[in-house]
Every structure is written in C-alpha cells, then in structure tokens.
PDB file of N, CA and C in Angstrom:
ATOM      1  N   MET A   1       0.847  -1.175   0.000  1.00  0.00           N
ATOM      2  CA  MET A   1       0.000   0.000   0.000  1.00  0.00           C
ATOM      3  C   MET A   1       0.889   1.234   0.000  1.00  0.00           C
ATOM      4  N   SER A   2       0.696   2.101  -0.964  1.00  0.00           N
ATOM      5  CA  SER A   2       1.472   3.322  -1.060  1.00  0.00           C
ATOM      6  C   SER A   2       0.838   4.406  -0.205  1.00  0.00           C
ATOM      7  N   MET A   3       1.639   4.987   0.657  1.00  0.00           N
ATOM      8  CA  MET A   3       1.173   6.038   1.559  1.00  0.00           C
ATOM      9  C   MET A   3       1.703   7.360   1.037  1.00  0.00           C
ATOM     10  N   SER A   4       0.866   8.385   1.053  1.00  0.00           N
ATOM     11  CA  SER A   4       1.346   9.699   0.643  1.00  0.00           C
ATOM     12  C   SER A   4       1.212  10.673   1.809  1.00  0.00           C
ATOM     13  N   CYS A   5       2.085  11.642   1.833  1.00  0.00           N
ATOM     14  CA  CYS A   5       2.117  12.644   2.898  1.00  0.00           C
ATOM     15  C   CYS A   5       0.894  13.551   2.795  1.00  0.00           C
ATOM     16  N   PRO A   6       0.170  13.740   3.899  1.00  0.00           N
ATOM     17  CA  PRO A   6      -0.992  14.627   3.848  1.00  0.00           C
ATOM     18  C   PRO A   6      -0.613  16.100   3.705  1.00  0.00           C
ATOM     19  N   LYS A   7       0.630  16.446   3.957  1.00  0.00           N
ATOM     20  CA  LYS A   7       1.065  17.843   3.881  1.00  0.00           C
ATOM     21  C   LYS A   7       1.560  18.212   2.486  1.00  0.00           C
ATOM     22  N   CYS A   8       2.449  17.355   1.893  1.00  0.00           N
ATOM     23  CA  CYS A   8       3.041  17.708   0.592  1.00  0.00           C
ATOM     24  C   CYS A   8       2.686  16.709  -0.513  1.00  0.00           C
ATOM     25  N   GLN A   9       1.918  15.675  -0.195  1.00  0.00           N
ATOM     26  CA  GLN A   9       1.479  14.628  -1.119  1.00  0.00           C
ATOM     27  C   GLN A   9       2.624  13.802  -1.726  1.00  0.00           C
ATOM     28  N   SER A  10       3.782  13.835  -1.114  1.00  0.00           N
ATOM     29  CA  SER A  10       4.905  13.014  -1.578  1.00  0.00           C
ATOM     30  C   SER A  10       4.656  11.554  -1.213  1.00  0.00           C
ATOM     31  N   ASN A  11       5.122  10.647  -2.060  1.00  0.00           N
ATOM     32  CA  ASN A  11       5.020   9.218  -1.766  1.00  0.00           C
ATOM     33  C   ASN A  11       6.270   8.700  -1.051  1.00  0.00           C
ATOM     34  N   ASN A  12       7.169   9.581  -0.710  1.00  0.00           N
ATOM     35  CA  ASN A  12       8.421   9.228  -0.051  1.00  0.00           C
ATOM     36  C   ASN A  12       8.206   9.182   1.469  1.00  0.00           C
ATOM     37  N   VAL A  13       7.440   8.169   1.921  1.00  0.00           N
ATOM     38  CA  VAL A  13       7.017   8.057   3.314  1.00  0.00           C
ATOM     39  C   VAL A  13       7.540   6.756   3.905  1.00  0.00           C
ATOM     40  N   ILE A  14       8.021   6.823   5.152  1.00  0.00           N
ATOM     41  CA  ILE A  14       8.502   5.638   5.860  1.00  0.00           C
ATOM     42  C   ILE A  14       7.721   5.461   7.164  1.00  0.00           C
ATOM     43  N   GLU A  15       7.761   4.230   7.689  1.00  0.00           N
ATOM     44  CA  GLU A  15       7.227   3.961   9.019  1.00  0.00           C
ATOM     45  C   GLU A  15       8.393   4.004   9.993  1.00  0.00           C
ATOM     46  N   LYS A  16       8.226   4.703  11.114  1.00  0.00           N
ATOM     47  CA  LYS A  16       9.322   4.874  12.070  1.00  0.00           C
ATOM     48  C   LYS A  16       9.456   3.701  13.043  1.00  0.00           C
ATOM     49  N   HIS A  17       8.387   3.089  13.458  1.00  0.00           N
ATOM     50  CA  HIS A  17       8.388   1.944  14.392  1.00  0.00           C
ATOM     51  C   HIS A  17       9.171   2.220  15.674  1.00  0.00           C
ATOM     52  N   GLN A  18       9.041   3.406  16.244  1.00  0.00           N
ATOM     53  CA  GLN A  18       9.799   3.735  17.454  1.00  0.00           C
ATOM     54  C   GLN A  18       9.370   2.874  18.641  1.00  0.00           C
ATOM     55  N   ALA A  19       8.082   2.786  18.907  1.00  0.00           N
ATOM     56  CA  ALA A  19       7.606   2.010  20.057  1.00  0.00           C
ATOM     57  C   ALA A  19       7.879   0.523  19.854  1.00  0.00           C
ATOM     58  N   ARG A  20       7.813   0.069  18.624  1.00  0.00           N
ATOM     59  CA  ARG A  20       8.088  -1.344  18.334  1.00  0.00           C
ATOM     60  C   ARG A  20       9.529  -1.701  18.686  1.00  0.00           C
ATOM     61  N   LYS A  21      10.471  -0.828  18.328  1.00  0.00           N
ATOM     62  CA  LYS A  21      11.881  -1.068  18.633  1.00  0.00           C
ATOM     63  C   LYS A  21      12.128  -1.033  20.140  1.00  0.00           C
ATOM     64  N   ILE A  22      11.571  -0.027  20.810  1.00  0.00           N
ATOM     65  CA  ILE A  22      11.750   0.099  22.255  1.00  0.00           C
ATOM     66  C   ILE A  22      11.067  -1.057  22.976  1.00  0.00           C
ATOM     67  N   GLY A  23       9.860  -1.396  22.552  1.00  0.00           N
ATOM     68  CA  GLY A  23       9.144  -2.520  23.157  1.00  0.00           C
ATOM     69  C   GLY A  23       9.889  -3.825  22.992  1.00  0.00           C
ATOM     70  N   GLY A  24      10.492  -4.020  21.832  1.00  0.00           N
ATOM     71  CA  GLY A  24      11.281  -5.229  21.598  1.00  0.00           C
ATOM     72  C   GLY A  24      12.497  -5.299  22.499  1.00  0.00           C
ATOM     73  N   MET A  25      13.182  -4.167  22.674  1.00  0.00           N
ATOM     74  CA  MET A  25      14.362  -4.158  23.547  1.00  0.00           C
ATOM     75  C   MET A  25      13.978  -4.403  25.004  1.00  0.00           C
ATOM     76  N   ILE A  26      12.948  -3.709  25.474  1.00  0.00           N
ATOM     77  CA  ILE A  26      12.520  -3.872  26.868  1.00  0.00           C
ATOM     78  C   ILE A  26      11.982  -5.287  27.087  1.00  0.00           C
ATOM     79  N   GLY A  27      11.188  -5.782  26.171  1.00  0.00           N
ATOM     80  CA  GLY A  27      10.643  -7.133  26.293  1.00  0.00           C
ATOM     81  C   GLY A  27      11.720  -8.198  26.295  1.00  0.00           C
ATOM     82  N   THR A  28      12.722  -8.033  25.447  1.00  0.00           N
ATOM     83  CA  THR A  28      13.823  -8.997  25.406  1.00  0.00           C
ATOM     84  C   THR A  28      14.593  -8.981  26.715  1.00  0.00           C
ATOM     85  N   SER A  29      14.897  -7.788  27.204  1.00  0.00           N
ATOM     86  CA  SER A  29      15.634  -7.687  28.470  1.00  0.00           C
ATOM     87  C   SER A  29      14.843  -8.287  29.622  1.00  0.00           C
ATOM     88  N   ALA A  30      13.596  -7.877  29.752  1.00  0.00           N
ATOM     89  CA  ALA A  30      12.762  -8.377  30.852  1.00  0.00           C
ATOM     90  C   ALA A  30      12.540  -9.881  30.730  1.00  0.00           C
ATOM     91  N   GLY A  31      12.296 -10.356  29.536  1.00  0.00           N
ATOM     92  CA  GLY A  31      12.073 -11.779  29.323  1.00  0.00           C
ATOM     93  C   GLY A  31      13.308 -12.618  29.621  1.00  0.00           C
ATOM     94  N   THR A  32      14.476 -12.102  29.235  1.00  0.00           N
ATOM     95  CA  THR A  32      15.712 -12.831  29.492  1.00  0.00           C
ATOM     96  C   THR A  32      15.991 -12.897  30.994  1.00  0.00           C
ATOM     97  N   ILE A  33      15.828 -11.768  31.655  1.00  0.00           N
ATOM     98  CA  ILE A  33      16.047 -11.752  33.108  1.00  0.00           C
ATOM     99  C   ILE A  33      15.067 -12.696  33.788  1.00  0.00           C
ATOM    100  N   SER A  34      13.811 -12.600  33.419  1.00  0.00           N
ATOM    101  CA  SER A  34      12.796 -13.483  33.996  1.00  0.00           C
ATOM    102  C   SER A  34      13.107 -14.945  33.688  1.00  0.00           C
ATOM    103  N   GLY A  35      13.513 -15.218  32.472  1.00  0.00           N
ATOM    104  CA  GLY A  35      13.845 -16.586  32.076  1.00  0.00           C
ATOM    105  C   GLY A  35      15.024 -17.154  32.843  1.00  0.00           C
ATOM    106  N   VAL A  36      16.040 -16.320  33.071  1.00  0.00           N
ATOM    107  CA  VAL A  36      17.206 -16.786  33.818  1.00  0.00           C
ATOM    108  C   VAL A  36      16.840 -17.003  35.286  1.00  0.00           C
ATOM    109  N   VAL A  37      16.070 -16.082  35.849  1.00  0.00           N
ATOM    110  CA  VAL A  37      15.676 -16.217  37.256  1.00  0.00           C
ATOM    111  C   VAL A  37      14.817 -17.458  37.465  1.00  0.00           C
ATOM    112  N   THR A  38      13.881 -17.679  36.571  1.00  0.00           N
ATOM    113  CA  THR A  38      12.994 -18.836  36.731  1.00  0.00           C
ATOM    114  C   THR A  38      13.585 -20.114  36.154  1.00  0.00           C
ATOM    115  N   SER A  39      14.776 -20.023  35.605  1.00  0.00           N
ATOM    116  CA  SER A  39      15.368 -21.210  34.993  1.00  0.00           C
ATOM    117  C   SER A  39      15.969 -22.163  36.017  1.00  0.00           C
ATOM    118  N   LEU A  40      15.851 -21.846  37.287  1.00  0.00           N
ATOM    119  CA  LEU A  40      16.363 -22.762  38.302  1.00  0.00           C
ATOM    120  C   LEU A  40      15.732 -24.138  38.149  1.00  0.00           C
ATOM    121  N   SER A  41      14.433 -24.156  37.839  1.00  0.00           N
ATOM    122  CA  SER A  41      13.794 -25.454  37.631  1.00  0.00           C
ATOM    123  C   SER A  41      14.339 -26.116  36.366  1.00  0.00           C
ATOM    124  N   GLY A  42      14.597 -25.326  35.351  1.00  0.00           N
ATOM    125  CA  GLY A  42      15.197 -25.871  34.131  1.00  0.00           C
ATOM    126  C   GLY A  42      16.599 -26.383  34.388  1.00  0.00           C
ATOM    127  N   ALA A  43      17.348 -25.656  35.229  1.00  0.00           N
ATOM    128  CA  ALA A  43      18.695 -26.103  35.562  1.00  0.00           C
ATOM    129  C   ALA A  43      18.639 -27.387  36.377  1.00  0.00           C
ATOM    130  N   GLU A  44      17.670 -27.483  37.260  1.00  0.00           N
ATOM    131  CA  GLU A  44      17.517 -28.705  38.055  1.00  0.00           C
ATOM    132  C   GLU A  44      17.171 -29.889  37.159  1.00  0.00           C
ATOM    133  N   ILE A  45      16.264 -29.670  36.214  1.00  0.00           N
ATOM    134  CA  ILE A  45      15.896 -30.744  35.287  1.00  0.00           C
ATOM    135  C   ILE A  45      17.107 -31.147  34.446  1.00  0.00           C
ATOM    136  N   GLY A  46      17.831 -30.141  33.945  1.00  0.00           N
ATOM    137  CA  GLY A  46      19.026 -30.424  33.145  1.00  0.00           C
ATOM    138  C   GLY A  46      20.082 -31.160  33.951  1.00  0.00           C
ATOM    139  N   ALA A  47      20.231 -30.759  35.218  1.00  0.00           N
ATOM    140  CA  ALA A  47      21.214 -31.432  36.067  1.00  0.00           C
ATOM    141  C   ALA A  47      20.799 -32.863  36.347  1.00  0.00           C
ATOM    142  N   SER A  48      19.503 -33.078  36.577  1.00  0.00           N
ATOM    143  CA  SER A  48      19.052 -34.450  36.857  1.00  0.00           C
ATOM    144  C   SER A  48      19.178 -35.324  35.616  1.00  0.00           C
ATOM    145  N   LEU A  49      18.946 -34.757  34.440  1.00  0.00           N
ATOM    146  CA  LEU A  49      19.143 -35.533  33.217  1.00  0.00           C
ATOM    147  C   LEU A  49      20.627 -35.802  32.975  1.00  0.00           C
ATOM    148  N   GLY A  50      21.468 -34.892  33.440  1.00  0.00           N
ATOM    149  CA  GLY A  50      22.902 -35.049  33.267  1.00  0.00           C
ATOM    150  C   GLY A  50      23.522 -36.035  34.241  1.00  0.00           C
ATOM    151  N   LEU A  51      22.760 -36.503  35.229  1.00  0.00           N
ATOM    152  CA  LEU A  51      23.287 -37.474  36.195  1.00  0.00           C
ATOM    153  C   LEU A  51      23.813 -38.728  35.517  1.00  0.00           C
ATOM    154  N   PHE A  52      23.222 -39.064  34.396  1.00  0.00           N
ATOM    155  CA  PHE A  52      23.640 -40.265  33.676  1.00  0.00           C
ATOM    156  C   PHE A  52      25.078 -40.156  33.180  1.00  0.00           C
ATOM    157  N   ALA A  53      25.558 -38.929  32.987  1.00  0.00           N
ATOM    158  CA  ALA A  53      26.909 -38.734  32.464  1.00  0.00           C
ATOM    159  C   ALA A  53      27.910 -38.397  33.558  1.00  0.00           C
ATOM    160  N   GLY A  54      27.495 -38.444  34.821  1.00  0.00           N
ATOM    161  CA  GLY A  54      28.406 -38.162  35.917  1.00  0.00           C
ATOM    162  C   GLY A  54      28.445 -36.699  36.289  1.00  0.00           C
ATOM    163  N   PRO A  55      29.451 -36.281  37.087  1.00  0.00           N
ATOM    164  CA  PRO A  55      29.532 -34.898  37.578  1.00  0.00           C
ATOM    165  C   PRO A  55      29.608 -33.859  36.450  1.00  0.00           C
ATOM    166  N   ALA A  56      30.338 -34.166  35.403  1.00  0.00           N
ATOM    167  CA  ALA A  56      30.426 -33.224  34.273  1.00  0.00           C
ATOM    168  C   ALA A  56      29.062 -33.072  33.610  1.00  0.00           C
ATOM    169  N   GLY A  57      28.310 -34.154  33.538  1.00  0.00           N
ATOM    170  CA  GLY A  57      26.971 -34.103  32.952  1.00  0.00           C
ATOM    171  C   GLY A  57      26.027 -33.260  33.778  1.00  0.00           C
ATOM    172  N   VAL A  58      26.155 -33.291  35.110  1.00  0.00           N
ATOM    173  CA  VAL A  58      25.326 -32.464  35.989  1.00  0.00           C
ATOM    174  C   VAL A  58      25.611 -30.991  35.730  1.00  0.00           C
ATOM    175  N   LEU A  59      26.909 -30.638  35.643  1.00  0.00           N
ATOM    176  CA  LEU A  59      27.302 -29.250  35.406  1.00  0.00           C
ATOM    177  C   LEU A  59      26.817 -28.760  34.048  1.00  0.00           C
ATOM    178  N   VAL A  60      27.092 -29.533  33.015  1.00  0.00           N
ATOM    179  CA  VAL A  60      26.693 -29.146  31.653  1.00  0.00           C
ATOM    180  C   VAL A  60      25.172 -29.116  31.529  1.00  0.00           C
ATOM    181  N   GLY A  61      24.505 -30.119  32.119  1.00  0.00           N
ATOM    182  CA  GLY A  61      23.037 -30.150  32.057  1.00  0.00           C
ATOM    183  C   GLY A  61      22.411 -28.984  32.779  1.00  0.00           C
ATOM    184  N   GLY A  62      22.967 -28.616  33.941  1.00  0.00           N
ATOM    185  CA  GLY A  62      22.454 -27.464  34.689  1.00  0.00           C
ATOM    186  C   GLY A  62      22.641 -26.165  33.935  1.00  0.00           C
ATOM    187  N   MET A  63      23.817 -25.984  33.343  1.00  0.00           N
ATOM    188  CA  MET A  63      24.085 -24.768  32.567  1.00  0.00           C
ATOM    189  C   MET A  63      23.193 -24.705  31.325  1.00  0.00           C
ATOM    190  N   ALA A  64      23.028 -25.837  30.675  1.00  0.00           N
ATOM    191  CA  ALA A  64      22.185 -25.864  29.471  1.00  0.00           C
ATOM    192  C   ALA A  64      20.746 -25.519  29.828  1.00  0.00           C
ATOM    193  N   GLY A  65      20.260 -26.025  30.962  1.00  0.00           N
ATOM    194  CA  GLY A  65      18.894 -25.703  31.398  1.00  0.00           C
ATOM    195  C   GLY A  65      18.721 -24.220  31.654  1.00  0.00           C
ATOM    196  N   ALA A  66      19.725 -23.596  32.302  1.00  0.00           N
ATOM    197  CA  ALA A  66      19.655 -22.160  32.576  1.00  0.00           C
ATOM    198  C   ALA A  66      19.702 -21.347  31.287  1.00  0.00           C
ATOM    199  N   ILE A  67      20.555 -21.741  30.359  1.00  0.00           N
ATOM    200  CA  ILE A  67      20.674 -21.021  29.087  1.00  0.00           C
ATOM    201  C   ILE A  67      19.382 -21.125  28.279  1.00  0.00           C
ATOM    202  N   VAL A  68      18.831 -22.324  28.213  1.00  0.00           N
ATOM    203  CA  VAL A  68      17.584 -22.511  27.465  1.00  0.00           C
ATOM    204  C   VAL A  68      16.460 -21.692  28.096  1.00  0.00           C
ATOM    205  N   GLY A  69      16.404 -21.658  29.434  1.00  0.00           N
ATOM    206  CA  GLY A  69      15.393 -20.842  30.117  1.00  0.00           C
ATOM    207  C   GLY A  69      15.525 -19.372  29.767  1.00  0.00           C
ATOM    208  N   GLY A  70      16.770 -18.872  29.743  1.00  0.00           N
ATOM    209  CA  GLY A  70      17.002 -17.474  29.369  1.00  0.00           C
ATOM    210  C   GLY A  70      16.627 -17.186  27.932  1.00  0.00           C
ATOM    211  N   LEU A  71      16.946 -18.107  27.027  1.00  0.00           N
ATOM    212  CA  LEU A  71      16.604 -17.913  25.611  1.00  0.00           C
ATOM    213  C   LEU A  71      15.089 -17.902  25.391  1.00  0.00           C
ATOM    214  N   ILE A  72      14.417 -18.854  26.009  1.00  0.00           N
ATOM    215  CA  ILE A  72      12.959 -18.911  25.850  1.00  0.00           C
ATOM    216  C   ILE A  72      12.309 -17.665  26.437  1.00  0.00           C
ATOM    217  N   GLY A  73      12.783 -17.230  27.602  1.00  0.00           N
ATOM    218  CA  GLY A  73      12.253 -16.005  28.209  1.00  0.00           C
ATOM    219  C   GLY A  73      12.501 -14.791  27.333  1.00  0.00           C
ATOM    220  N   GLY A  74      13.695 -14.690  26.762  1.00  0.00           N
ATOM    221  CA  GLY A  74      14.025 -13.555  25.886  1.00  0.00           C
ATOM    222  C   GLY A  74      13.184 -13.515  24.636  1.00  0.00           C
ATOM    223  N   ILE A  75      12.983 -14.667  24.023  1.00  0.00           N
ATOM    224  CA  ILE A  75      12.162 -14.726  22.803  1.00  0.00           C
ATOM    225  C   ILE A  75      10.711 -14.372  23.108  1.00  0.00           C
ATOM    226  N   THR A  76      10.199 -14.920  24.205  1.00  0.00           N
ATOM    227  CA  THR A  76       8.817 -14.629  24.591  1.00  0.00           C
ATOM    228  C   THR A  76       8.644 -13.150  24.915  1.00  0.00           C
ATOM    229  N   GLY A  77       9.585 -12.593  25.676  1.00  0.00           N
ATOM    230  CA  GLY A  77       9.515 -11.176  26.030  1.00  0.00           C
ATOM    231  C   GLY A  77       9.625 -10.274  24.820  1.00  0.00           C
ATOM    232  N   CYS A  78      10.494 -10.622  23.892  1.00  0.00           N
ATOM    233  CA  CYS A  78      10.661  -9.830  22.674  1.00  0.00           C
ATOM    234  C   CYS A  78       9.385  -9.829  21.845  1.00  0.00           C
ATOM    235  N   THR A  79       8.787 -11.000  21.701  1.00  0.00           N
ATOM    236  CA  THR A  79       7.556 -11.111  20.921  1.00  0.00           C
ATOM    237  C   THR A  79       6.450 -10.259  21.532  1.00  0.00           C
ATOM    238  N   ALA A  80       6.303 -10.334  22.849  1.00  0.00           N
ATOM    239  CA  ALA A  80       5.273  -9.539  23.530  1.00  0.00           C
ATOM    240  C   ALA A  80       5.580  -8.046  23.427  1.00  0.00           C
ATOM    241  N   GLY A  81       6.854  -7.670  23.595  1.00  0.00           N
ATOM    242  CA  GLY A  81       7.237  -6.263  23.509  1.00  0.00           C
ATOM    243  C   GLY A  81       7.022  -5.673  22.128  1.00  0.00           C
ATOM    244  N   VAL A  82       7.338  -6.437  21.098  1.00  0.00           N
ATOM    245  CA  VAL A  82       7.142  -5.967  19.720  1.00  0.00           C
ATOM    246  C   VAL A  82       5.644  -5.807  19.426  1.00  0.00           C
ATOM    247  N   ALA A  83       4.841  -6.758  19.877  1.00  0.00           N
ATOM    248  CA  ALA A  83       3.391  -6.668  19.642  1.00  0.00           C
ATOM    249  C   ALA A  83       2.804  -5.447  20.339  1.00  0.00           C
ATOM    250  N   LEU A  84       3.210  -5.204  21.583  1.00  0.00           N
ATOM    251  CA  LEU A  84       2.713  -4.039  22.308  1.00  0.00           C
ATOM    252  C   LEU A  84       3.216  -2.751  21.661  1.00  0.00           C
ATOM    253  N   GLY A  85       4.487  -2.725  21.270  1.00  0.00           N
ATOM    254  CA  GLY A  85       5.040  -1.549  20.611  1.00  0.00           C
ATOM    255  C   GLY A  85       4.366  -1.247  19.291  1.00  0.00           C
ATOM    256  N   ASP A  86       4.041  -2.284  18.544  1.00  0.00           N
ATOM    257  CA  ASP A  86       3.335  -2.106  17.271  1.00  0.00           C
ATOM    258  C   ASP A  86       1.960  -1.493  17.507  1.00  0.00           C
ATOM    259  N   LEU A  87       1.282  -1.947  18.554  1.00  0.00           N
ATOM    260  CA  LEU A  87      -0.023  -1.389  18.900  1.00  0.00           C
ATOM    261  C   LEU A  87       0.099   0.091  19.254  1.00  0.00           C
ATOM    262  N   VAL A  88       1.115   0.442  20.041  1.00  0.00           N
ATOM    263  CA  VAL A  88       1.332   1.845  20.409  1.00  0.00           C
ATOM    264  C   VAL A  88       1.680   2.669  19.175  1.00  0.00           C
ATOM    265  N   ASP A  89       2.521   2.132  18.297  1.00  0.00           N
ATOM    266  CA  ASP A  89       2.886   2.844  17.069  1.00  0.00           C
ATOM    267  C   ASP A  89       1.654   3.228  16.257  1.00  0.00           C
ATOM    268  N   HIS A  90       0.719   2.299  16.112  1.00  0.00           N
ATOM    269  CA  HIS A  90      -0.408   2.530  15.219  1.00  0.00           C
ATOM    270  C   HIS A  90      -1.605   3.201  15.876  1.00  0.00           C
ATOM    271  N   THR A  91      -1.623   3.280  17.215  1.00  0.00           N
ATOM    272  CA  THR A  91      -2.786   3.906  17.854  1.00  0.00           C
ATOM    273  C   THR A  91      -2.452   5.193  18.593  1.00  0.00           C
ATOM    274  N   VAL A  92      -1.200   5.377  18.997  1.00  0.00           N
ATOM    275  CA  VAL A  92      -0.860   6.539  19.813  1.00  0.00           C
ATOM    276  C   VAL A  92       0.097   7.494  19.097  1.00  0.00           C
ATOM    277  N   LEU A  93       1.160   6.953  18.535  1.00  0.00           N
ATOM    278  CA  LEU A  93       2.221   7.789  17.974  1.00  0.00           C
ATOM    279  C   LEU A  93       1.987   8.133  16.502  1.00  0.00           C
ATOM    280  N   ASP A  94       2.671   9.182  16.078  1.00  0.00           N
ATOM    281  CA  ASP A  94       2.718   9.509  14.652  1.00  0.00           C
ATOM    282  C   ASP A  94       3.803   8.609  14.045  1.00  0.00           C
ATOM    283  N   ASN A  95       3.382   7.472  13.497  1.00  0.00           N
ATOM    284  CA  ASN A  95       4.321   6.438  13.081  1.00  0.00           C
ATOM    285  C   ASN A  95       4.901   6.659  11.686  1.00  0.00           C
ATOM    286  N   TYR A  96       4.326   7.540  10.923  1.00  0.00           N
ATOM    287  CA  TYR A  96       4.789   7.761   9.546  1.00  0.00           C
ATOM    288  C   TYR A  96       5.531   9.088   9.449  1.00  0.00           C
ATOM    289  N   GLN A  97       6.563   9.111   8.592  1.00  0.00           N
ATOM    290  CA  GLN A  97       7.312  10.341   8.383  1.00  0.00           C
ATOM    291  C   GLN A  97       7.595  10.512   6.901  1.00  0.00           C
ATOM    292  N   CYS A  98       7.322  11.700   6.422  1.00  0.00           N
ATOM    293  CA  CYS A  98       7.617  12.047   5.034  1.00  0.00           C
ATOM    294  C   CYS A  98       9.091  12.423   4.945  1.00  0.00           C
ATOM    295  N   LEU A  99       9.808  11.789   4.042  1.00  0.00           N
ATOM    296  CA  LEU A  99      11.225  12.096   3.874  1.00  0.00           C
ATOM    297  C   LEU A  99      11.447  13.359   3.046  1.00  0.00           C
ATOM    298  N   SER A 100      10.406  13.830   2.389  1.00  0.00           N
ATOM    299  CA  SER A 100      10.537  15.044   1.580  1.00  0.00           C
ATOM    300  C   SER A 100      10.416  16.305   2.424  1.00  0.00           C
ATOM    301  N   CYS A 101       9.386  16.348   3.296  1.00  0.00           N
ATOM    302  CA  CYS A 101       9.163  17.559   4.096  1.00  0.00           C
ATOM    303  C   CYS A 101       9.354  17.332   5.597  1.00  0.00           C
ATOM    304  N   GLN A 102       9.704  16.107   6.006  1.00  0.00           N
ATOM    305  CA  GLN A 102       9.949  15.728   7.397  1.00  0.00           C
ATOM    306  C   GLN A 102       8.699  15.780   8.286  1.00  0.00           C
ATOM    307  N   TYR A 103       7.527  15.806   7.706  1.00  0.00           N
ATOM    308  CA  TYR A 103       6.271  15.842   8.455  1.00  0.00           C
ATOM    309  C   TYR A 103       5.979  14.452   9.020  1.00  0.00           C
ATOM    310  N   SER A 104       5.614  14.387  10.310  1.00  0.00           N
ATOM    311  CA  SER A 104       5.227  13.128  10.945  1.00  0.00           C
ATOM    312  C   SER A 104       3.716  13.092  11.096  1.00  0.00           C
ATOM    313  N   PHE A 105       3.127  11.926  10.829  1.00  0.00           N
ATOM    314  CA  PHE A 105       1.674  11.807  10.903  1.00  0.00           C
ATOM    315  C   PHE A 105       1.286  10.368  11.194  1.00  0.00           C
ATOM    316  N   SER A 106       0.023  10.171  11.522  1.00  0.00           N
ATOM    317  CA  SER A 106      -0.482   8.825  11.791  1.00  0.00           C
ATOM    318  C   SER A 106      -1.597   8.507  10.807  1.00  0.00           C
ATOM    319  N   THR A 107      -2.009   7.247  10.778  1.00  0.00           N
ATOM    320  CA  THR A 107      -3.104   6.855   9.892  1.00  0.00           C
ATOM    321  C   THR A 107      -4.430   7.411  10.396  1.00  0.00           C
ATOM    322  N   LYS A 108      -4.516   7.729  11.707  1.00  0.00           N
ATOM    323  CA  LYS A 108      -5.738   8.337  12.238  1.00  0.00           C
ATOM    324  C   LYS A 108      -6.007   9.669  11.531  1.00  0.00           C
ATOM    325  N   LEU A 109      -4.944  10.426  11.260  1.00  0.00           N
ATOM    326  CA  LEU A 109      -5.074  11.704  10.560  1.00  0.00           C
ATOM    327  C   LEU A 109      -5.627  11.470   9.154  1.00  0.00           C
ATOM    328  N   LEU A 110      -5.163  10.420   8.484  1.00  0.00           N
ATOM    329  CA  LEU A 110      -5.624  10.139   7.135  1.00  0.00           C
ATOM    330  C   LEU A 110      -7.084   9.751   7.128  1.00  0.00           C
ATOM    331  N   VAL A 111      -7.525   8.975   8.097  1.00  0.00           N
ATOM    332  CA  VAL A 111      -8.934   8.564   8.169  1.00  0.00           C
ATOM    333  C   VAL A 111      -9.810   9.769   8.447  1.00  0.00           C
ATOM    334  N   ARG A 112      -9.356  10.650   9.339  1.00  0.00           N
ATOM    335  CA  ARG A 112     -10.114  11.873   9.640  1.00  0.00           C
ATOM    336  C   ARG A 112     -10.222  12.750   8.392  1.00  0.00           C
ATOM    337  N   ASP A 113      -9.104  12.883   7.654  1.00  0.00           N
ATOM    338  CA  ASP A 113      -9.109  13.718   6.452  1.00  0.00           C
ATOM    339  C   ASP A 113     -10.042  13.165   5.388  1.00  0.00           C
ATOM    340  N   GLU A 114     -10.120  11.848   5.253  1.00  0.00           N
ATOM    341  CA  GLU A 114     -10.970  11.243   4.230  1.00  0.00           C
ATOM    342  C   GLU A 114     -12.449  11.423   4.561  1.00  0.00           C
ATOM    343  N   LYS A 115     -12.799  11.480   5.853  1.00  0.00           N
ATOM    344  CA  LYS A 115     -14.205  11.636   6.246  1.00  0.00           C
ATOM    345  C   LYS A 115     -14.692  13.051   5.994  1.00  0.00           C
ATOM    346  N   ASP A 116     -13.784  14.049   6.058  1.00  0.00           N
ATOM    347  CA  ASP A 116     -14.193  15.446   5.869  1.00  0.00           C
ATOM    348  C   ASP A 116     -14.571  15.765   4.449  1.00  0.00           C
TER     349      ASP A 116
END
C-alpha cells in the first residue's frame, strides 16, 4: 500500500516503528532476566538428566537448562514487547514520516481527512 504525505502529497514516506523497537528491547531484556531467574527449575531438570553422564553431565546439564530458560524467556519477552510496541505505534504515535518535508503523521489523521 502506497502512503502519501498529507502535507506535501509526496510518496516518499517511511514507518518509524519507534515504540516497536523500544518494546522489543525492553521485552527482550525483561524476558531474558525473567527466564534466567525462573530457569532454576530448568537447571535442576538439566542437572538431573545429566546425572547419567556423571559430575560433568550435571554441570553441563544445569548450565544448558539455565541457558535454554534465558533464551525462551528472551524470545517470549521480545515477541510480547514488539506486539505491544506495534499497537502503540499505530494507535498513539505519529508512526509515519515524510522524507521530503519531514512531516510526521499517523493513519488516524488520514482517516479523519478522508471523512471530511
């Protein structure tokens, strides 16, 4: 879909995705921290599975459980943060910017203009 600037009618328009980027960073950080903190159970499971390989297996299994917990938490947090940021971009912020005149606008402005 080609978007044009409501101010200068240029088609040289980009989406900024500011909240999406920030939401993704915050979600990834929070999810990773949460995943590592709650990965104690994952580390315990990994350590118990590693018992079959002896003391080295317990250590490696415990570390692998903690790492997997952190990765899963980070991915989950990132996904949630990006979804929330995308919602904020499209409902609250002026997510579009004209590269010709530097005007920032949202799709709400376009819908209002079309109704008038």
